[in-house]
Amino acid sequence: MKCDRNGQAKILTDSEVSAIFNLLSARDRAIFAICLYCGCRISEALSIRSGDVANGVITLRKNSTKGKKGSRSLPISPNLEKILKEYLTVTSPSDFLFPGRFGSKPLTTAYADLVLRQACLTLGIKGVSTHSFRRTALTRMHAAGVPLRTIQKISGHSSLGALAFYLEVTDENVRDAVNLI
């Protein structure tokens, strides 16, 4: 679904995020909200266990991260807290926060991809993948002036070079940077 994006997922606008979230169920909205507000991968969001969300923090466990190098704990933003509360009022997952059909395993990334594809097809939004929420989060943090090392810690990237691949630089960013000199 990444058409004409040089192999990279589309960065979503606020209106696109709102439109997608408005179309999704409370559960699916919570899945993609975790990806957006925590800057995490879809596989990390789906692997979260109910006990990993506590005291205003989400813990992404080492065994669910890409490099399996370490767990990371991220504060839950007010926007994410609202969406999670909405989801948890309609369900009470026992083990995984987003259990699959039989409950002993989480929902699959293929399921999340299908849900997002259908929503984007309905809305006419092109170039979106489940990774769009992660790229959007990291690019927004960068545009807001968050230090790269902080973004690296949030995203779990092992190097700044790996992180740089995610960050979209617009013509406006370049113009603003040159005007600072």
N, C-alpha and C. Protein backbone atom coordinates (compact mmCIF):
# COMPACT_ATOMS: atom_id res chain seq x y z
N MET A 1 0.82 -1.19 0.00
CA MET A 1 0.00 0.00 0.00
C MET A 1 0.87 1.26 0.00
N LYS A 2 2.18 1.10 0.03
CA LYS A 2 3.09 2.25 0.03
C LYS A 2 3.35 2.66 -1.42
N CYS A 3 2.41 3.34 -2.04
CA CYS A 3 2.59 3.68 -3.44
C CYS A 3 3.30 5.02 -3.60
N ASP A 4 4.31 5.02 -4.48
CA ASP A 4 5.07 6.23 -4.80
C ASP A 4 5.66 6.90 -3.56
N ARG A 5 6.10 6.13 -2.61
CA ARG A 5 6.67 6.69 -1.38
C ARG A 5 8.13 6.26 -1.23
N ASN A 6 8.75 5.79 -2.30
CA ASN A 6 10.13 5.30 -2.23
C ASN A 6 10.28 4.23 -1.14
N GLY A 7 9.28 3.38 -1.02
CA GLY A 7 9.33 2.30 -0.05
C GLY A 7 9.04 2.71 1.38
N GLN A 8 8.67 3.97 1.60
CA GLN A 8 8.39 4.43 2.96
C GLN A 8 6.91 4.72 3.13
N ALA A 9 6.43 4.44 4.32
CA ALA A 9 5.04 4.69 4.64
C ALA A 9 4.77 6.19 4.70
N LYS A 10 3.57 6.56 4.32
CA LYS A 10 3.14 7.96 4.29
C LYS A 10 3.13 8.56 5.70
N ILE A 11 3.53 9.82 5.79
CA ILE A 11 3.36 10.60 7.02
C ILE A 11 1.92 11.11 7.00
N LEU A 12 1.19 10.88 8.07
CA LEU A 12 -0.23 11.25 8.12
C LEU A 12 -0.42 12.67 8.65
N THR A 13 -1.40 13.36 8.08
CA THR A 13 -1.79 14.67 8.59
C THR A 13 -2.74 14.47 9.78
N ASP A 14 -2.97 15.52 10.54
CA ASP A 14 -3.92 15.44 11.66
C ASP A 14 -5.30 15.03 11.17
N SER A 15 -5.73 15.59 10.04
CA SER A 15 -7.07 15.28 9.54
C SER A 15 -7.16 13.83 9.06
N GLU A 16 -6.07 13.29 8.51
CA GLU A 16 -6.08 11.88 8.09
C GLU A 16 -6.13 10.96 9.31
N VAL A 17 -5.37 11.28 10.34
CA VAL A 17 -5.41 10.48 11.57
C VAL A 17 -6.81 10.50 12.15
N SER A 18 -7.42 11.68 12.23
CA SER A 18 -8.78 11.79 12.78
C SER A 18 -9.77 10.98 11.96
N ALA A 19 -9.68 11.09 10.65
CA ALA A 19 -10.61 10.36 9.77
C ALA A 19 -10.46 8.85 9.96
N ILE A 20 -9.22 8.38 10.01
CA ILE A 20 -8.98 6.95 10.21
C ILE A 20 -9.50 6.51 11.57
N PHE A 21 -9.15 7.24 12.62
CA PHE A 21 -9.59 6.88 13.97
C PHE A 21 -11.11 6.88 14.09
N ASN A 22 -11.78 7.81 13.43
CA ASN A 22 -13.24 7.88 13.50
C ASN A 22 -13.92 6.69 12.83
N LEU A 23 -13.22 6.05 11.92
CA LEU A 23 -13.77 4.92 11.18
C LEU A 23 -13.56 3.59 11.92
N LEU A 24 -12.61 3.55 12.83
CA LEU A 24 -12.22 2.30 13.48
C LEU A 24 -13.03 2.01 14.74
N SER A 25 -13.06 0.73 15.11
CA SER A 25 -13.65 0.32 16.39
C SER A 25 -12.76 0.82 17.52
N ALA A 26 -13.27 0.77 18.74
CA ALA A 26 -12.49 1.22 19.90
C ALA A 26 -11.19 0.42 20.02
N ARG A 27 -11.25 -0.88 19.78
CA ARG A 27 -10.05 -1.71 19.87
C ARG A 27 -9.03 -1.32 18.81
N ASP A 28 -9.47 -1.22 17.56
CA ASP A 28 -8.53 -0.92 16.48
C ASP A 28 -7.97 0.49 16.61
N ARG A 29 -8.79 1.42 17.08
CA ARG A 29 -8.32 2.78 17.33
C ARG A 29 -7.23 2.76 18.40
N ALA A 30 -7.42 1.96 19.45
CA ALA A 30 -6.43 1.85 20.53
C ALA A 30 -5.11 1.27 20.01
N ILE A 31 -5.19 0.29 19.13
CA ILE A 31 -3.98 -0.31 18.57
C ILE A 31 -3.16 0.75 17.84
N PHE A 32 -3.80 1.46 16.92
CA PHE A 32 -3.06 2.43 16.11
C PHE A 32 -2.70 3.68 16.91
N ALA A 33 -3.48 3.99 17.94
CA ALA A 33 -3.14 5.12 18.81
C ALA A 33 -1.86 4.83 19.58
N ILE A 34 -1.67 3.59 20.01
CA ILE A 34 -0.42 3.23 20.69
C ILE A 34 0.75 3.42 19.74
N CYS A 35 0.58 3.00 18.48
CA CYS A 35 1.66 3.18 17.49
C CYS A 35 1.96 4.66 17.29
N LEU A 36 0.92 5.48 17.24
CA LEU A 36 1.10 6.91 17.02
C LEU A 36 1.69 7.61 18.24
N TYR A 37 1.08 7.42 19.39
CA TYR A 37 1.47 8.18 20.57
C TYR A 37 2.71 7.63 21.29
N CYS A 38 3.10 6.39 20.96
CA CYS A 38 4.33 5.82 21.53
C CYS A 38 5.42 5.67 20.48
N GLY A 39 5.09 5.93 19.21
CA GLY A 39 6.08 5.80 18.15
C GLY A 39 6.59 4.38 18.00
N CYS A 40 5.73 3.40 18.30
CA CYS A 40 6.19 2.01 18.26
C CYS A 40 5.73 1.28 17.00
N ARG A 41 6.32 0.13 16.78
CA ARG A 41 5.96 -0.73 15.66
C ARG A 41 4.63 -1.42 15.96
N ILE A 42 3.93 -1.83 14.90
CA ILE A 42 2.65 -2.52 15.09
C ILE A 42 2.85 -3.81 15.88
N SER A 43 3.93 -4.53 15.61
CA SER A 43 4.18 -5.79 16.33
C SER A 43 4.38 -5.54 17.83
N GLU A 44 4.99 -4.42 18.17
CA GLU A 44 5.19 -4.07 19.58
C GLU A 44 3.85 -3.75 20.24
N ALA A 45 3.00 -3.00 19.55
CA ALA A 45 1.69 -2.64 20.10
C ALA A 45 0.83 -3.89 20.33
N LEU A 46 0.85 -4.80 19.36
CA LEU A 46 0.01 -6.00 19.47
C LEU A 46 0.51 -6.96 20.55
N SER A 47 1.78 -6.88 20.89
CA SER A 47 2.37 -7.79 21.89
C SER A 47 2.21 -7.31 23.32
N ILE A 48 1.65 -6.13 23.51
CA ILE A 48 1.49 -5.58 24.86
C ILE A 48 0.52 -6.46 25.65
N ARG A 49 0.92 -6.78 26.85
CA ARG A 49 0.06 -7.55 27.75
C ARG A 49 -0.67 -6.57 28.67
N SER A 50 -1.79 -7.00 29.18
CA SER A 50 -2.60 -6.12 30.03
C SER A 50 -1.79 -5.52 31.17
N GLY A 51 -0.91 -6.30 31.78
CA GLY A 51 -0.09 -5.82 32.89
C GLY A 51 1.00 -4.85 32.48
N ASP A 52 1.23 -4.71 31.17
CA ASP A 52 2.26 -3.78 30.69
C ASP A 52 1.76 -2.34 30.65
N VAL A 53 0.49 -2.15 30.95
CA VAL A 53 -0.10 -0.80 31.00
C VAL A 53 -0.48 -0.54 32.45
N ALA A 54 0.33 0.29 33.12
CA ALA A 54 0.08 0.53 34.54
C ALA A 54 0.72 1.84 34.98
N ASN A 55 0.05 2.53 35.87
CA ASN A 55 0.60 3.75 36.48
C ASN A 55 1.02 4.79 35.45
N GLY A 56 0.23 4.93 34.39
CA GLY A 56 0.50 5.95 33.38
C GLY A 56 1.66 5.65 32.46
N VAL A 57 2.07 4.36 32.40
CA VAL A 57 3.21 3.96 31.58
C VAL A 57 2.86 2.70 30.79
N ILE A 58 3.36 2.63 29.55
CA ILE A 58 3.28 1.41 28.75
C ILE A 58 4.69 0.86 28.64
N THR A 59 4.84 -0.42 28.95
CA THR A 59 6.14 -1.07 28.81
C THR A 59 6.12 -1.97 27.59
N LEU A 60 7.07 -1.74 26.70
CA LEU A 60 7.26 -2.59 25.52
C LEU A 60 8.38 -3.56 25.89
N ARG A 61 8.02 -4.81 26.04
CA ARG A 61 8.97 -5.81 26.54
C ARG A 61 10.02 -6.19 25.50
N LYS A 62 11.18 -6.54 26.00
CA LYS A 62 12.34 -6.86 25.17
C LYS A 62 12.01 -7.92 24.10
N ASN A 63 11.25 -8.94 24.46
CA ASN A 63 10.98 -10.01 23.51
C ASN A 63 10.04 -9.60 22.38
N SER A 64 9.42 -8.42 22.48
CA SER A 64 8.52 -7.97 21.41
C SER A 64 9.14 -6.87 20.55
N THR A 65 10.32 -6.39 20.93
CA THR A 65 10.96 -5.32 20.16
C THR A 65 11.77 -5.92 19.02
N LYS A 66 12.03 -5.11 18.00
CA LYS A 66 12.67 -5.62 16.79
C LYS A 66 14.02 -6.28 17.06
N GLY A 67 14.90 -5.60 17.74
CA GLY A 67 16.23 -6.14 18.01
C GLY A 67 16.30 -6.99 19.26
N LYS A 68 15.21 -7.04 20.01
CA LYS A 68 15.14 -7.77 21.28
C LYS A 68 16.30 -7.38 22.21
N LYS A 69 16.71 -6.11 22.11
CA LYS A 69 17.87 -5.64 22.89
C LYS A 69 17.49 -5.12 24.26
N GLY A 70 16.28 -4.65 24.41
CA GLY A 70 15.90 -4.12 25.71
C GLY A 70 14.46 -3.66 25.73
N SER A 71 13.87 -3.70 26.90
CA SER A 71 12.51 -3.19 27.08
C SER A 71 12.57 -1.68 27.15
N ARG A 72 11.47 -1.04 26.82
CA ARG A 72 11.40 0.40 27.03
C ARG A 72 10.02 0.76 27.58
N SER A 73 10.02 1.72 28.48
CA SER A 73 8.79 2.18 29.12
C SER A 73 8.53 3.60 28.68
N LEU A 74 7.30 3.84 28.26
CA LEU A 74 6.93 5.15 27.73
C LEU A 74 5.72 5.69 28.48
N PRO A 75 5.75 6.98 28.83
CA PRO A 75 4.59 7.57 29.50
C PRO A 75 3.39 7.60 28.56
N ILE A 76 2.21 7.43 29.13
CA ILE A 76 0.97 7.48 28.36
C ILE A 76 0.51 8.93 28.29
N SER A 77 0.41 9.45 27.07
CA SER A 77 -0.04 10.84 26.89
C SER A 77 -1.53 10.94 27.19
N PRO A 78 -2.03 12.14 27.49
CA PRO A 78 -3.46 12.31 27.74
C PRO A 78 -4.33 11.84 26.56
N ASN A 79 -3.88 12.09 25.33
CA ASN A 79 -4.66 11.64 24.17
C ASN A 79 -4.76 10.12 24.13
N LEU A 80 -3.65 9.45 24.38
CA LEU A 80 -3.65 7.98 24.37
C LEU A 80 -4.45 7.44 25.54
N GLU A 81 -4.33 8.07 26.69
CA GLU A 81 -5.07 7.62 27.87
C GLU A 81 -6.58 7.62 27.60
N LYS A 82 -7.06 8.65 26.95
CA LYS A 82 -8.49 8.75 26.63
C LYS A 82 -8.92 7.60 25.72
N ILE A 83 -8.12 7.32 24.71
CA ILE A 83 -8.45 6.25 23.75
C ILE A 83 -8.39 4.88 24.43
N LEU A 84 -7.39 4.67 25.27
CA LEU A 84 -7.27 3.39 25.98
C LEU A 84 -8.44 3.19 26.95
N LYS A 85 -8.83 4.24 27.65
CA LYS A 85 -9.97 4.13 28.57
C LYS A 85 -11.24 3.76 27.82
N GLU A 86 -11.42 4.37 26.65
CA GLU A 86 -12.59 4.08 25.81
C GLU A 86 -12.59 2.60 25.42
N TYR A 87 -11.44 2.07 25.05
CA TYR A 87 -11.33 0.66 24.67
C TYR A 87 -11.58 -0.24 25.87
N LEU A 88 -11.00 0.10 27.01
CA LEU A 88 -11.11 -0.77 28.18
C LEU A 88 -12.50 -0.74 28.82
N THR A 89 -13.34 0.22 28.44
CA THR A 89 -14.72 0.21 28.94
C THR A 89 -15.57 -0.82 28.19
N VAL A 90 -15.14 -1.22 27.00
CA VAL A 90 -15.93 -2.19 26.22
C VAL A 90 -15.33 -3.59 26.28
N THR A 91 -14.19 -3.75 26.92
CA THR A 91 -13.55 -5.07 27.01
C THR A 91 -12.70 -5.14 28.27
N SER A 92 -12.38 -6.34 28.65
CA SER A 92 -11.44 -6.52 29.77
C SER A 92 -10.51 -7.67 29.41
N PRO A 93 -9.48 -7.37 28.61
CA PRO A 93 -8.56 -8.42 28.20
C PRO A 93 -7.82 -9.01 29.40
N SER A 94 -7.59 -10.32 29.34
CA SER A 94 -6.93 -10.96 30.48
C SER A 94 -5.41 -10.97 30.33
N ASP A 95 -4.91 -11.54 29.25
CA ASP A 95 -3.46 -11.63 29.08
C ASP A 95 -2.97 -10.54 28.13
N PHE A 96 -3.21 -10.71 26.85
CA PHE A 96 -2.80 -9.70 25.88
C PHE A 96 -3.81 -8.55 25.86
N LEU A 97 -3.31 -7.35 25.70
CA LEU A 97 -4.20 -6.19 25.63
C LEU A 97 -5.11 -6.29 24.41
N PHE A 98 -4.57 -6.88 23.32
CA PHE A 98 -5.35 -7.07 22.09
C PHE A 98 -5.33 -8.55 21.72
N PRO A 99 -6.14 -9.37 22.44
CA PRO A 99 -6.09 -10.81 22.21
C PRO A 99 -6.64 -11.19 20.84
N GLY A 100 -6.06 -12.26 20.30
CA GLY A 100 -6.55 -12.82 19.04
C GLY A 100 -7.82 -13.61 19.29
N ARG A 101 -8.22 -14.34 18.28
CA ARG A 101 -9.49 -15.07 18.32
C ARG A 101 -9.59 -16.01 19.51
N PHE A 102 -8.51 -16.70 19.83
CA PHE A 102 -8.56 -17.70 20.90
C PHE A 102 -8.01 -17.19 22.22
N GLY A 103 -7.50 -15.98 22.24
CA GLY A 103 -7.07 -15.36 23.49
C GLY A 103 -5.67 -15.70 23.96
N SER A 104 -5.11 -16.82 23.50
CA SER A 104 -3.78 -17.21 23.98
C SER A 104 -2.66 -16.51 23.23
N LYS A 105 -3.00 -15.88 22.13
CA LYS A 105 -2.03 -15.12 21.33
C LYS A 105 -2.63 -13.76 21.00
N PRO A 106 -1.76 -12.79 20.68
CA PRO A 106 -2.29 -11.47 20.31
C PRO A 106 -2.85 -11.46 18.89
N LEU A 107 -3.57 -10.41 18.55
CA LEU A 107 -3.97 -10.20 17.17
C LEU A 107 -2.73 -10.20 16.29
N THR A 108 -2.89 -10.51 15.03
CA THR A 108 -1.73 -10.57 14.13
C THR A 108 -1.51 -9.24 13.42
N THR A 109 -0.28 -9.06 12.97
CA THR A 109 0.03 -7.85 12.19
C THR A 109 -0.75 -7.87 10.87
N ALA A 110 -1.01 -9.06 10.33
CA ALA A 110 -1.79 -9.17 9.09
C ALA A 110 -3.21 -8.63 9.31
N TYR A 111 -3.79 -8.91 10.48
CA TYR A 111 -5.11 -8.39 10.79
C TYR A 111 -5.08 -6.86 10.85
N ALA A 112 -4.10 -6.32 11.56
CA ALA A 112 -3.99 -4.86 11.68
C ALA A 112 -3.82 -4.21 10.31
N ASP A 113 -3.01 -4.83 9.47
CA ASP A 113 -2.79 -4.32 8.12
C ASP A 113 -4.09 -4.31 7.32
N LEU A 114 -4.86 -5.38 7.42
CA LEU A 114 -6.13 -5.48 6.70
C LEU A 114 -7.12 -4.41 7.16
N VAL A 115 -7.22 -4.22 8.47
CA VAL A 115 -8.13 -3.21 9.02
C VAL A 115 -7.76 -1.82 8.51
N LEU A 116 -6.46 -1.51 8.53
CA LEU A 116 -6.01 -0.19 8.09
C LEU A 116 -6.21 -0.02 6.59
N ARG A 117 -5.92 -1.05 5.81
CA ARG A 117 -6.12 -0.98 4.35
C ARG A 117 -7.58 -0.68 4.02
N GLN A 118 -8.49 -1.38 4.70
CA GLN A 118 -9.92 -1.17 4.45
C GLN A 118 -10.34 0.25 4.81
N ALA A 119 -9.86 0.75 5.94
CA ALA A 119 -10.20 2.11 6.35
C ALA A 119 -9.68 3.13 5.35
N CYS A 120 -8.43 2.96 4.92
CA CYS A 120 -7.83 3.91 3.98
C CYS A 120 -8.47 3.83 2.61
N LEU A 121 -8.89 2.64 2.20
CA LEU A 121 -9.60 2.48 0.93
C LEU A 121 -10.93 3.22 0.99
N THR A 122 -11.64 3.08 2.09
CA THR A 122 -12.91 3.78 2.29
C THR A 122 -12.72 5.29 2.25
N LEU A 123 -11.63 5.76 2.84
CA LEU A 123 -11.37 7.20 2.94
C LEU A 123 -10.63 7.77 1.72
N GLY A 124 -10.11 6.90 0.87
CA GLY A 124 -9.36 7.36 -0.30
C GLY A 124 -7.98 7.89 0.04
N ILE A 125 -7.39 7.40 1.12
CA ILE A 125 -6.04 7.82 1.52
C ILE A 125 -5.06 6.79 0.99
N LYS A 126 -4.06 7.24 0.25
CA LYS A 126 -3.09 6.33 -0.37
C LYS A 126 -1.72 6.41 0.31
N GLY A 127 -0.95 5.33 0.17
CA GLY A 127 0.42 5.31 0.66
C GLY A 127 0.56 5.01 2.14
N VAL A 128 -0.52 4.58 2.78
CA VAL A 128 -0.52 4.35 4.22
C VAL A 128 -0.24 2.88 4.52
N SER A 129 0.54 2.64 5.55
CA SER A 129 0.71 1.28 6.08
C SER A 129 0.69 1.39 7.59
N THR A 130 0.73 0.26 8.26
CA THR A 130 0.73 0.29 9.72
C THR A 130 1.94 1.06 10.25
N HIS A 131 3.00 1.13 9.46
CA HIS A 131 4.21 1.86 9.86
C HIS A 131 4.03 3.38 9.76
N SER A 132 2.98 3.82 9.09
CA SER A 132 2.73 5.26 8.95
C SER A 132 2.58 5.95 10.30
N PHE A 133 1.97 5.27 11.26
CA PHE A 133 1.77 5.88 12.57
C PHE A 133 3.11 6.10 13.28
N ARG A 134 4.01 5.15 13.16
CA ARG A 134 5.35 5.29 13.75
C ARG A 134 6.12 6.41 13.07
N ARG A 135 6.13 6.42 11.74
CA ARG A 135 6.84 7.48 11.00
C ARG A 135 6.24 8.85 11.31
N THR A 136 4.92 8.91 11.40
CA THR A 136 4.25 10.17 11.71
C THR A 136 4.68 10.67 13.09
N ALA A 137 4.68 9.78 14.07
CA ALA A 137 5.06 10.17 15.44
C ALA A 137 6.48 10.70 15.48
N LEU A 138 7.41 9.97 14.89
CA LEU A 138 8.82 10.36 14.96
C LEU A 138 9.08 11.64 14.19
N THR A 139 8.43 11.80 13.04
CA THR A 139 8.59 13.02 12.25
C THR A 139 8.00 14.23 12.98
N ARG A 140 6.84 14.04 13.62
CA ARG A 140 6.22 15.15 14.37
C ARG A 140 7.11 15.57 15.54
N MET A 141 7.68 14.59 16.24
CA MET A 141 8.58 14.93 17.36
C MET A 141 9.77 15.73 16.86
N HIS A 142 10.34 15.29 15.75
CA HIS A 142 11.50 15.97 15.17
C HIS A 142 11.13 17.39 14.76
N ALA A 143 9.99 17.55 14.10
CA ALA A 143 9.54 18.87 13.65
C ALA A 143 9.27 19.80 14.83
N ALA A 144 8.89 19.22 15.97
CA ALA A 144 8.60 20.02 17.17
C ALA A 144 9.87 20.37 17.94
N GLY A 145 11.02 19.90 17.45
CA GLY A 145 12.28 20.25 18.10
C GLY A 145 12.73 19.30 19.20
N VAL A 146 12.10 18.13 19.29
CA VAL A 146 12.54 17.15 20.29
C VAL A 146 13.94 16.67 19.89
N PRO A 147 14.89 16.65 20.83
CA PRO A 147 16.25 16.21 20.50
C PRO A 147 16.26 14.79 19.91
N LEU A 148 17.14 14.57 18.95
CA LEU A 148 17.21 13.27 18.27
C LEU A 148 17.48 12.12 19.23
N ARG A 149 18.32 12.33 20.22
CA ARG A 149 18.61 11.26 21.18
C ARG A 149 17.35 10.88 21.97
N THR A 150 16.49 11.85 22.25
CA THR A 150 15.24 11.56 22.96
C THR A 150 14.32 10.75 22.05
N ILE A 151 14.22 11.15 20.79
CA ILE A 151 13.40 10.40 19.84
C ILE A 151 13.95 8.98 19.69
N GLN A 152 15.26 8.86 19.66
CA GLN A 152 15.90 7.54 19.55
C GLN A 152 15.52 6.66 20.74
N LYS A 153 15.52 7.23 21.93
CA LYS A 153 15.16 6.47 23.13
C LYS A 153 13.70 6.03 23.08
N ILE A 154 12.82 6.92 22.63
CA ILE A 154 11.39 6.59 22.51
C ILE A 154 11.17 5.49 21.48
N SER A 155 11.82 5.64 20.33
CA SER A 155 11.59 4.71 19.22
C SER A 155 12.31 3.37 19.37
N GLY A 156 13.36 3.35 20.19
CA GLY A 156 14.11 2.12 20.37
C GLY A 156 15.11 1.85 19.27
N HIS A 157 15.39 2.85 18.44
CA HIS A 157 16.40 2.66 17.38
C HIS A 157 17.78 2.52 18.00
N SER A 158 18.59 1.64 17.42
CA SER A 158 19.92 1.40 17.96
C SER A 158 20.90 2.50 17.57
N SER A 159 20.60 3.24 16.50
CA SER A 159 21.51 4.30 16.07
C SER A 159 20.73 5.49 15.54
N LEU A 160 21.38 6.64 15.54
CA LEU A 160 20.76 7.83 14.97
C LEU A 160 20.58 7.68 13.46
N GLY A 161 21.47 6.91 12.83
CA GLY A 161 21.35 6.67 11.39
C GLY A 161 20.08 5.92 11.05
N ALA A 162 19.74 4.92 11.85
CA ALA A 162 18.51 4.17 11.64
C ALA A 162 17.30 5.07 11.85
N LEU A 163 17.36 5.92 12.85
CA LEU A 163 16.28 6.86 13.13
C LEU A 163 16.10 7.85 11.98
N ALA A 164 17.20 8.34 11.44
CA ALA A 164 17.15 9.36 10.39
C ALA A 164 16.34 8.90 9.18
N PHE A 165 16.33 7.59 8.93
CA PHE A 165 15.58 7.04 7.80
C PHE A 165 14.09 7.32 7.94
N TYR A 166 13.60 7.44 9.17
CA TYR A 166 12.17 7.65 9.44
C TYR A 166 11.73 9.10 9.29
N LEU A 167 12.65 10.02 9.47
CA LEU A 167 12.29 11.42 9.57
C LEU A 167 12.14 12.06 8.20
N GLU A 168 10.97 12.60 7.96
CA GLU A 168 10.72 13.27 6.69
C GLU A 168 11.05 14.75 6.85
N VAL A 169 11.84 15.26 5.94
CA VAL A 169 12.22 16.67 5.96
C VAL A 169 11.51 17.35 4.79
N THR A 170 10.70 18.35 5.10
CA THR A 170 9.94 19.05 4.07
C THR A 170 10.71 20.28 3.59
N ASP A 171 10.26 20.84 2.48
CA ASP A 171 10.85 22.08 1.98
C ASP A 171 10.73 23.19 3.02
N GLU A 172 9.61 23.18 3.74
CA GLU A 172 9.40 24.19 4.79
C GLU A 172 10.44 24.04 5.91
N ASN A 173 10.77 22.78 6.27
CA ASN A 173 11.81 22.54 7.29
C ASN A 173 13.14 23.13 6.84
N VAL A 174 13.49 22.91 5.58
CA VAL A 174 14.75 23.41 5.04
C VAL A 174 14.75 24.94 5.04
N ARG A 175 13.66 25.54 4.60
CA ARG A 175 13.54 27.00 4.55
C ARG A 175 13.67 27.59 5.96
N ASP A 176 12.98 26.99 6.93
CA ASP A 176 13.05 27.48 8.31
C ASP A 176 14.46 27.37 8.87
N ALA A 177 15.14 26.28 8.57
CA ALA A 177 16.51 26.08 9.06
C ALA A 177 17.45 27.12 8.48
N VAL A 178 17.34 27.38 7.19
CA VAL A 178 18.21 28.36 6.54
C VAL A 178 17.94 29.76 7.09
N ASN A 179 16.69 30.05 7.39
CA ASN A 179 16.33 31.37 7.91
C ASN A 179 16.82 31.60 9.34
N LEU A 180 17.21 30.54 10.03
CA LEU A 180 17.75 30.69 11.38
C LEU A 180 19.17 31.25 11.38
N ILE A 181 19.84 31.11 10.27
CA ILE A 181 21.26 31.51 10.19
C ILE A 181 21.38 33.01 10.01
